[in-house]
Amino acid sequence: MKIKFAENLKALRTEKGMSQGKLAEAVGVTQQCVSKWEKGEDPKLSYLWKLADLFGVSIDVLCGRSEW
């Protein structure tokens, strides 16, 4: 999951025209946290829900289990 999640998160973020800082603010974490996620660190489940809701995709899509 790590690599696909990191790739999808960055792709969704850039598609929305968001910086790491703006995404961090929207989810309630630091920019450094978003950077770690985009480098392969897994977020807590509660943040997966927030990210999926923010981008309008399912957690399966976010984690690479299905296509968006």
C-alpha atoms as a PDB file:
ATOM      1  CA  MET A   1       0.000   0.000   0.000  1.00  0.00           C
ATOM      2  CA  LYS A   2       2.767   2.433   0.869  1.00  0.00           C
ATOM      3  CA  ILE A   3       4.057   3.260  -2.592  1.00  0.00           C
ATOM      4  CA  LYS A   4       0.667   3.403  -4.315  1.00  0.00           C
ATOM      5  CA  PHE A   5      -0.833   5.493  -1.505  1.00  0.00           C
ATOM      6  CA  ALA A   6       2.067   7.960  -1.664  1.00  0.00           C
ATOM      7  CA  GLU A   7       1.773   8.258  -5.443  1.00  0.00           C
ATOM      8  CA  ASN A   8      -2.009   8.657  -5.352  1.00  0.00           C
ATOM      9  CA  LEU A   9      -1.902  11.220  -2.562  1.00  0.00           C
ATOM     10  CA  LYS A  10       0.563  13.387  -4.448  1.00  0.00           C
ATOM     11  CA  ALA A  11      -1.368  13.013  -7.711  1.00  0.00           C
ATOM     12  CA  LEU A  12      -4.690  13.927  -6.094  1.00  0.00           C
ATOM     13  CA  ARG A  13      -3.135  16.853  -4.244  1.00  0.00           C
ATOM     14  CA  THR A  14      -1.513  18.300  -7.350  1.00  0.00           C
ATOM     15  CA  GLU A  15      -4.661  17.671  -9.414  1.00  0.00           C
ATOM     16  CA  LYS A  16      -6.534  19.873  -6.934  1.00  0.00           C
ATOM     17  CA  GLY A  17      -3.761  22.484  -7.108  1.00  0.00           C
ATOM     18  CA  MET A  18      -2.979  22.162  -3.408  1.00  0.00           C
ATOM     19  CA  SER A  19       0.384  22.612  -1.759  1.00  0.00           C
ATOM     20  CA  GLN A  20       1.468  20.225   0.964  1.00  0.00           C
ATOM     21  CA  GLY A  21       0.848  23.041   3.441  1.00  0.00           C
ATOM     22  CA  LYS A  22      -2.731  23.622   2.266  1.00  0.00           C
ATOM     23  CA  LEU A  23      -3.459  19.888   2.401  1.00  0.00           C
ATOM     24  CA  ALA A  24      -1.985  19.695   5.886  1.00  0.00           C
ATOM     25  CA  GLU A  25      -4.175  22.587   7.008  1.00  0.00           C
ATOM     26  CA  ALA A  26      -7.293  20.982   5.524  1.00  0.00           C
ATOM     27  CA  VAL A  27      -6.640  17.655   7.262  1.00  0.00           C
ATOM     28  CA  GLY A  28      -5.299  19.037  10.549  1.00  0.00           C
ATOM     29  CA  VAL A  29      -1.672  17.903  10.413  1.00  0.00           C
ATOM     30  CA  THR A  30       1.683  19.540   9.717  1.00  0.00           C
ATOM     31  CA  GLN A  31       3.212  19.989   6.279  1.00  0.00           C
ATOM     32  CA  GLN A  32       6.005  17.660   7.412  1.00  0.00           C
ATOM     33  CA  CYS A  33       3.404  14.961   8.051  1.00  0.00           C
ATOM     34  CA  VAL A  34       2.052  15.282   4.501  1.00  0.00           C
ATOM     35  CA  SER A  35       5.609  15.140   3.186  1.00  0.00           C
ATOM     36  CA  LYS A  36       6.212  11.897   5.091  1.00  0.00           C
ATOM     37  CA  TRP A  37       3.007  10.411   3.670  1.00  0.00           C
ATOM     38  CA  GLU A  38       4.128  11.289   0.155  1.00  0.00           C
ATOM     39  CA  LYS A  39       7.459   9.590   0.840  1.00  0.00           C
ATOM     40  CA  GLY A  40       5.777   6.349   1.920  1.00  0.00           C
ATOM     41  CA  GLU A  41       4.790   6.645   5.566  1.00  0.00           C
ATOM     42  CA  ASP A  42       1.288   5.351   6.282  1.00  0.00           C
ATOM     43  CA  PRO A  43      -1.204   7.744   7.879  1.00  0.00           C
ATOM     44  CA  LYS A  44      -3.513   6.799  10.726  1.00  0.00           C
ATOM     45  CA  LEU A  45      -6.885   5.456   9.621  1.00  0.00           C
ATOM     46  CA  SER A  46      -8.675   8.612  10.776  1.00  0.00           C
ATOM     47  CA  TYR A  47      -6.574  10.646   8.324  1.00  0.00           C
ATOM     48  CA  LEU A  48      -7.312   8.216   5.485  1.00  0.00           C
ATOM     49  CA  TRP A  49     -11.018   8.974   5.960  1.00  0.00           C
ATOM     50  CA  LYS A  50     -10.362  12.730   5.961  1.00  0.00           C
ATOM     51  CA  LEU A  51      -8.179  12.518   2.854  1.00  0.00           C
ATOM     52  CA  ALA A  52     -10.691  10.357   0.983  1.00  0.00           C
ATOM     53  CA  ASP A  53     -13.521  12.754   1.851  1.00  0.00           C
ATOM     54  CA  LEU A  54     -11.461  15.794   0.882  1.00  0.00           C
ATOM     55  CA  PHE A  55     -10.600  14.378  -2.537  1.00  0.00           C
ATOM     56  CA  GLY A  56     -14.011  12.772  -3.117  1.00  0.00           C
ATOM     57  CA  VAL A  57     -12.618   9.254  -3.542  1.00  0.00           C
ATOM     58  CA  SER A  58     -12.884   6.022  -1.601  1.00  0.00           C
ATOM     59  CA  ILE A  59     -10.116   4.759   0.656  1.00  0.00           C
ATOM     60  CA  ASP A  60      -9.686   1.903  -1.831  1.00  0.00           C
ATOM     61  CA  VAL A  61      -8.915   4.420  -4.565  1.00  0.00           C
ATOM     62  CA  LEU A  62      -6.634   6.430  -2.297  1.00  0.00           C
ATOM     63  CA  CYS A  63      -4.668   3.303  -1.367  1.00  0.00           C
ATOM     64  CA  GLY A  64      -4.507   1.968  -4.904  1.00  0.00           C
ATOM     65  CA  ARG A  65      -6.898  -0.957  -4.592  1.00  0.00           C
ATOM     66  CA  SER A  66      -9.056   0.432  -7.391  1.00  0.00           C
ATOM     67  CA  GLU A  67      -8.743   3.147 -10.027  1.00  0.00           C
ATOM     68  CA  TRP A  68     -10.286   6.625  -9.930  1.00  0.00           C
END
